PDB file of N, CA and C in Angstrom:
ATOM      1  N   MET A   1      74.755 -11.836 -71.896  1.00  0.00           N
ATOM      2  CA  MET A   1      76.137 -12.165 -71.627  1.00  0.00           C
ATOM      3  C   MET A   1      76.303 -12.388 -70.123  1.00  0.00           C
ATOM      4  N   LEU A   2      77.118 -13.348 -69.782  1.00  0.00           N
ATOM      5  CA  LEU A   2      77.391 -13.677 -68.389  1.00  0.00           C
ATOM      6  C   LEU A   2      78.206 -12.567 -67.733  1.00  0.00           C
ATOM      7  N   GLU A   3      77.739 -12.112 -66.574  1.00  0.00           N
ATOM      8  CA  GLU A   3      78.482 -11.102 -65.830  1.00  0.00           C
ATOM      9  C   GLU A   3      79.606 -11.792 -65.061  1.00  0.00           C
ATOM     10  N   MET A   4      80.828 -11.371 -65.287  1.00  0.00           N
ATOM     11  CA  MET A   4      81.981 -11.951 -64.593  1.00  0.00           C
ATOM     12  C   MET A   4      82.291 -11.077 -63.386  1.00  0.00           C
ATOM     13  N   ARG A   5      81.661 -11.362 -62.285  1.00  0.00           N
ATOM     14  CA  ARG A   5      81.872 -10.555 -61.078  1.00  0.00           C
ATOM     15  C   ARG A   5      83.304 -10.736 -60.588  1.00  0.00           C
ATOM     16  N   PRO A   6      83.915  -9.664 -60.115  1.00  0.00           N
ATOM     17  CA  PRO A   6      85.347  -9.678 -59.833  1.00  0.00           C
ATOM     18  C   PRO A   6      85.765 -10.250 -58.483  1.00  0.00           C
ATOM     19  N   THR A   7      84.810 -10.477 -57.559  1.00  0.00           N
ATOM     20  CA  THR A   7      85.184 -10.963 -56.230  1.00  0.00           C
ATOM     21  C   THR A   7      84.191 -11.998 -55.715  1.00  0.00           C
ATOM     22  N   CYS A   8      84.647 -12.797 -54.753  1.00  0.00           N
ATOM     23  CA  CYS A   8      83.798 -13.776 -54.071  1.00  0.00           C
ATOM     24  C   CYS A   8      82.826 -13.030 -53.162  1.00  0.00           C
ATOM     25  N   GLU A   9      81.567 -13.450 -53.160  1.00  0.00           N
ATOM     26  CA  GLU A   9      80.561 -12.777 -52.334  1.00  0.00           C
ATOM     27  C   GLU A   9      80.716 -13.073 -50.849  1.00  0.00           C
ATOM     28  N   SER A  10      81.491 -14.101 -50.504  1.00  0.00           N
ATOM     29  CA  SER A  10      81.665 -14.460 -49.105  1.00  0.00           C
ATOM     30  C   SER A  10      82.930 -13.848 -48.498  1.00  0.00           C
ATOM     31  N   CYS A  11      84.072 -14.068 -49.149  1.00  0.00           N
ATOM     32  CA  CYS A  11      85.349 -13.643 -48.556  1.00  0.00           C
ATOM     33  C   CYS A  11      85.985 -12.446 -49.258  1.00  0.00           C
ATOM     34  N   ASP A  12      85.375 -11.971 -50.339  1.00  0.00           N
ATOM     35  CA  ASP A  12      85.858 -10.814 -51.096  1.00  0.00           C
ATOM     36  C   ASP A  12      87.188 -11.065 -51.804  1.00  0.00           C
ATOM     37  N   ARG A  13      87.533 -12.326 -52.008  1.00  0.00           N
ATOM     38  CA  ARG A  13      88.759 -12.685 -52.729  1.00  0.00           C
ATOM     39  C   ARG A  13      88.615 -12.273 -54.194  1.00  0.00           C
ATOM     40  N   ALA A  14      89.680 -11.758 -54.784  1.00  0.00           N
ATOM     41  CA  ALA A  14      89.663 -11.374 -56.195  1.00  0.00           C
ATOM     42  C   ALA A  14      89.496 -12.610 -57.068  1.00  0.00           C
ATOM     43  N   LEU A  15      88.624 -12.506 -58.073  1.00  0.00           N
ATOM     44  CA  LEU A  15      88.374 -13.603 -59.006  1.00  0.00           C
ATOM     45  C   LEU A  15      88.526 -13.099 -60.440  1.00  0.00           C
ATOM     46  N   PRO A  16      89.765 -13.044 -60.929  1.00  0.00           N
ATOM     47  CA  PRO A  16      89.962 -12.609 -62.306  1.00  0.00           C
ATOM     48  C   PRO A  16      89.265 -13.572 -63.279  1.00  0.00           C
ATOM     49  N   ALA A  17      89.146 -13.166 -64.524  1.00  0.00           N
ATOM     50  CA  ALA A  17      88.394 -13.938 -65.519  1.00  0.00           C
ATOM     51  C   ALA A  17      88.872 -15.380 -65.675  1.00  0.00           C
ATOM     52  N   ALA A  18      90.135 -15.661 -65.420  1.00  0.00           N
ATOM     53  CA  ALA A  18      90.663 -17.013 -65.577  1.00  0.00           C
ATOM     54  C   ALA A  18      90.653 -17.816 -64.272  1.00  0.00           C
ATOM     55  N   ALA A  19      90.173 -17.241 -63.181  1.00  0.00           N
ATOM     56  CA  ALA A  19      90.193 -17.908 -61.877  1.00  0.00           C
ATOM     57  C   ALA A  19      89.092 -18.959 -61.762  1.00  0.00           C
ATOM     58  N   GLU A  20      89.346 -19.980 -60.941  1.00  0.00           N
ATOM     59  CA  GLU A  20      88.312 -20.968 -60.658  1.00  0.00           C
ATOM     60  C   GLU A  20      87.278 -20.330 -59.738  1.00  0.00           C
ATOM     61  N   ALA A  21      86.028 -20.363 -60.155  1.00  0.00           N
ATOM     62  CA  ALA A  21      84.943 -19.776 -59.374  1.00  0.00           C
ATOM     63  C   ALA A  21      83.666 -20.547 -59.676  1.00  0.00           C
ATOM     64  N   PHE A  22      82.657 -20.334 -58.850  1.00  0.00           N
ATOM     65  CA  PHE A  22      81.372 -21.006 -59.012  1.00  0.00           C
ATOM     66  C   PHE A  22      80.270 -19.961 -59.050  1.00  0.00           C
ATOM     67  N   ILE A  23      79.219 -20.228 -59.859  1.00  0.00           N
ATOM     68  CA  ILE A  23      78.090 -19.310 -59.986  1.00  0.00           C
ATOM     69  C   ILE A  23      76.783 -20.094 -59.942  1.00  0.00           C
ATOM     70  N   CYS A  24      75.700 -19.389 -59.639  1.00  0.00           N
ATOM     71  CA  CYS A  24      74.362 -19.971 -59.733  1.00  0.00           C
ATOM     72  C   CYS A  24      73.640 -19.291 -60.892  1.00  0.00           C
ATOM     73  N   SER A  25      72.383 -19.603 -61.107  1.00  0.00           N
ATOM     74  CA  SER A  25      71.653 -19.026 -62.241  1.00  0.00           C
ATOM     75  C   SER A  25      71.430 -17.518 -62.101  1.00  0.00           C
ATOM     76  N   TYR A  26      71.560 -16.986 -60.896  1.00  0.00           N
ATOM     77  CA  TYR A  26      71.451 -15.540 -60.695  1.00  0.00           C
ATOM     78  C   TYR A  26      72.817 -14.858 -60.722  1.00  0.00           C
ATOM     79  N   GLU A  27      73.851 -15.627 -61.049  1.00  0.00           N
ATOM     80  CA  GLU A  27      75.225 -15.168 -61.151  1.00  0.00           C
ATOM     81  C   GLU A  27      75.838 -14.758 -59.815  1.00  0.00           C
ATOM     82  N   CYS A  28      75.291 -15.278 -58.702  1.00  0.00           N
ATOM     83  CA  CYS A  28      75.989 -15.135 -57.422  1.00  0.00           C
ATOM     84  C   CYS A  28      77.334 -15.824 -57.626  1.00  0.00           C
ATOM     85  N   THR A  29      78.406 -15.244 -57.151  1.00  0.00           N
ATOM     86  CA  THR A  29      79.755 -15.714 -57.472  1.00  0.00           C
ATOM     87  C   THR A  29      80.530 -16.047 -56.214  1.00  0.00           C
ATOM     88  N   TRP A  30      81.175 -17.212 -56.217  1.00  0.00           N
ATOM     89  CA  TRP A  30      81.891 -17.723 -55.042  1.00  0.00           C
ATOM     90  C   TRP A  30      83.224 -18.328 -55.448  1.00  0.00           C
ATOM     91  N   CYS A  31      84.236 -18.169 -54.608  1.00  0.00           N
ATOM     92  CA  CYS A  31      85.528 -18.814 -54.868  1.00  0.00           C
ATOM     93  C   CYS A  31      85.433 -20.296 -54.490  1.00  0.00           C
ATOM     94  N   ALA A  32      86.366 -21.084 -54.991  1.00  0.00           N
ATOM     95  CA  ALA A  32      86.363 -22.520 -54.738  1.00  0.00           C
ATOM     96  C   ALA A  32      86.514 -22.835 -53.248  1.00  0.00           C
ATOM     97  N   SER A  33      87.281 -22.040 -52.512  1.00  0.00           N
ATOM     98  CA  SER A  33      87.484 -22.284 -51.081  1.00  0.00           C
ATOM     99  C   SER A  33      86.189 -22.122 -50.291  1.00  0.00           C
ATOM    100  N   CYS A  34      85.397 -21.131 -50.617  1.00  0.00           N
ATOM    101  CA  CYS A  34      84.145 -20.907 -49.898  1.00  0.00           C
ATOM    102  C   CYS A  34      83.090 -21.953 -50.245  1.00  0.00           C
ATOM    103  N   VAL A  35      83.067 -22.404 -51.493  1.00  0.00           N
ATOM    104  CA  VAL A  35      82.071 -23.389 -51.927  1.00  0.00           C
ATOM    105  C   VAL A  35      82.205 -24.700 -51.173  1.00  0.00           C
ATOM    106  N   VAL A  36      83.418 -25.043 -50.745  1.00  0.00           N
ATOM    107  CA  VAL A  36      83.641 -26.291 -50.009  1.00  0.00           C
ATOM    108  C   VAL A  36      82.735 -26.375 -48.778  1.00  0.00           C
ATOM    109  N   GLY A  37      82.466 -25.263 -48.138  1.00  0.00           N
ATOM    110  CA  GLY A  37      81.649 -25.254 -46.930  1.00  0.00           C
ATOM    111  C   GLY A  37      80.150 -25.217 -47.165  1.00  0.00           C
ATOM    112  N   PHE A  38      79.705 -25.074 -48.422  1.00  0.00           N
ATOM    113  CA  PHE A  38      78.275 -25.010 -48.710  1.00  0.00           C
ATOM    114  C   PHE A  38      77.686 -26.410 -48.774  1.00  0.00           C
ATOM    115  N   THR A  39      76.502 -26.595 -48.217  1.00  0.00           N
ATOM    116  CA  THR A  39      75.851 -27.899 -48.258  1.00  0.00           C
ATOM    117  C   THR A  39      75.156 -28.125 -49.588  1.00  0.00           C
ATOM    118  N   ASP A  40      75.250 -29.325 -50.101  1.00  0.00           N
ATOM    119  CA  ASP A  40      74.571 -29.743 -51.332  1.00  0.00           C
ATOM    120  C   ASP A  40      74.901 -28.887 -52.550  1.00  0.00           C
ATOM    121  N   ALA A  41      76.033 -28.213 -52.548  1.00  0.00           N
ATOM    122  CA  ALA A  41      76.430 -27.354 -53.669  1.00  0.00           C
ATOM    123  C   ALA A  41      75.323 -26.377 -54.049  1.00  0.00           C
ATOM    124  N   ALA A  42      74.642 -25.855 -53.045  1.00  0.00           N
ATOM    125  CA  ALA A  42      73.564 -24.889 -53.277  1.00  0.00           C
ATOM    126  C   ALA A  42      74.025 -23.489 -52.896  1.00  0.00           C
ATOM    127  N   CYS A  43      73.577 -22.506 -53.649  1.00  0.00           N
ATOM    128  CA  CYS A  43      73.912 -21.113 -53.381  1.00  0.00           C
ATOM    129  C   CYS A  43      73.256 -20.681 -52.070  1.00  0.00           C
ATOM    130  N   PRO A  44      74.033 -20.128 -51.138  1.00  0.00           N
ATOM    131  CA  PRO A  44      73.445 -19.689 -49.877  1.00  0.00           C
ATOM    132  C   PRO A  44      72.559 -18.444 -50.022  1.00  0.00           C
ATOM    133  N   ASN A  45      72.677 -17.720 -51.125  1.00  0.00           N
ATOM    134  CA  ASN A  45      71.828 -16.547 -51.352  1.00  0.00           C
ATOM    135  C   ASN A  45      70.439 -16.933 -51.828  1.00  0.00           C
ATOM    136  N   CYS A  46      70.366 -17.828 -52.815  1.00  0.00           N
ATOM    137  CA  CYS A  46      69.083 -18.108 -53.464  1.00  0.00           C
ATOM    138  C   CYS A  46      68.709 -19.583 -53.496  1.00  0.00           C
ATOM    139  N   GLY A  47      69.627 -20.464 -53.070  1.00  0.00           N
ATOM    140  CA  GLY A  47      69.346 -21.895 -53.074  1.00  0.00           C
ATOM    141  C   GLY A  47      69.561 -22.557 -54.423  1.00  0.00           C
ATOM    142  N   GLY A  48      70.012 -21.788 -55.411  1.00  0.00           N
ATOM    143  CA  GLY A  48      70.233 -22.331 -56.751  1.00  0.00           C
ATOM    144  C   GLY A  48      71.431 -23.265 -56.810  1.00  0.00           C
ATOM    145  N   ASP A  49      71.470 -24.060 -57.864  1.00  0.00           N
ATOM    146  CA  ASP A  49      72.540 -25.023 -58.105  1.00  0.00           C
ATOM    147  C   ASP A  49      73.824 -24.289 -58.497  1.00  0.00           C
ATOM    148  N   LEU A  50      74.916 -24.572 -57.821  1.00  0.00           N
ATOM    149  CA  LEU A  50      76.195 -23.949 -58.156  1.00  0.00           C
ATOM    150  C   LEU A  50      76.917 -24.760 -59.220  1.00  0.00           C
ATOM    151  N   GLN A  51      77.445 -24.057 -60.198  1.00  0.00           N
ATOM    152  CA  GLN A  51      78.203 -24.663 -61.283  1.00  0.00           C
ATOM    153  C   GLN A  51      79.527 -23.931 -61.422  1.00  0.00           C
ATOM    154  N   ARG A  52      80.517 -24.640 -61.972  1.00  0.00           N
ATOM    155  CA  ARG A  52      81.818 -24.012 -62.219  1.00  0.00           C
ATOM    156  C   ARG A  52      81.634 -22.886 -63.235  1.00  0.00           C
ATOM    157  N   ARG A  53      82.168 -21.714 -62.925  1.00  0.00           N
ATOM    158  CA  ARG A  53      82.066 -20.572 -63.829  1.00  0.00           C
ATOM    159  C   ARG A  53      83.013 -20.779 -65.003  1.00  0.00           C
ATOM    160  N   PRO A  54      82.547 -20.519 -66.223  1.00  0.00           N
ATOM    161  CA  PRO A  54      83.460 -20.624 -67.366  1.00  0.00           C
ATOM    162  C   PRO A  54      84.535 -19.542 -67.275  1.00  0.00           C
ATOM    163  N   THR A  55      85.669 -19.793 -67.881  1.00  0.00           N
ATOM    164  CA  THR A  55      86.756 -18.813 -67.867  1.00  0.00           C
ATOM    165  C   THR A  55      86.728 -18.018 -69.169  1.00  0.00           C
ATOM    166  N   ARG A  56      87.342 -16.870 -69.133  1.00  0.00           N
ATOM    167  CA  ARG A  56      87.505 -16.051 -70.336  1.00  0.00           C
ATOM    168  C   ARG A  56      88.980 -15.793 -70.527  1.00  0.00           C
ATOM    169  N   ALA A  57      89.383 -15.718 -71.778  1.00  0.00           N
ATOM    170  CA  ALA A  57      90.770 -15.393 -72.076  1.00  0.00           C
ATOM    171  C   ALA A  57      91.047 -13.958 -71.652  1.00  0.00           C
ATOM    172  N   VAL A  58      92.228 -13.743 -71.123  1.00  0.00           N
ATOM    173  CA  VAL A  58      92.640 -12.401 -70.740  1.00  0.00           C
ATOM    174  C   VAL A  58      93.093 -11.672 -71.997  1.00  0.00           C
ATOM    175  N   ARG A  59      92.533 -10.511 -72.213  1.00  0.00           N
ATOM    176  CA  ARG A  59      92.894  -9.739 -73.407  1.00  0.00           C
ATOM    177  C   ARG A  59      94.231  -9.051 -73.217  1.00  0.00           C
ATOM    178  N   ALA A  60      95.025  -9.062 -74.271  1.00  0.00           N
ATOM    179  CA  ALA A  60      96.347  -8.442 -74.226  1.00  0.00           C
ATOM    180  C   ALA A  60      96.237  -6.926 -74.274  1.00  0.00           C
TER     181      ALA A  60
END
């Protein structure tokens, strides 16, 4: 199961399950604002390809 990390690894911004975020294959997690500054859409931790993180429905 995909780990939904709660904050951006760069700016520590909260990333709830429905928030726009980006992840790599190691599940490094970044907010959309921080990803804009990354070159070639590569993860600065591991160099992996960053993809939009899927969202999850918020449980009532």
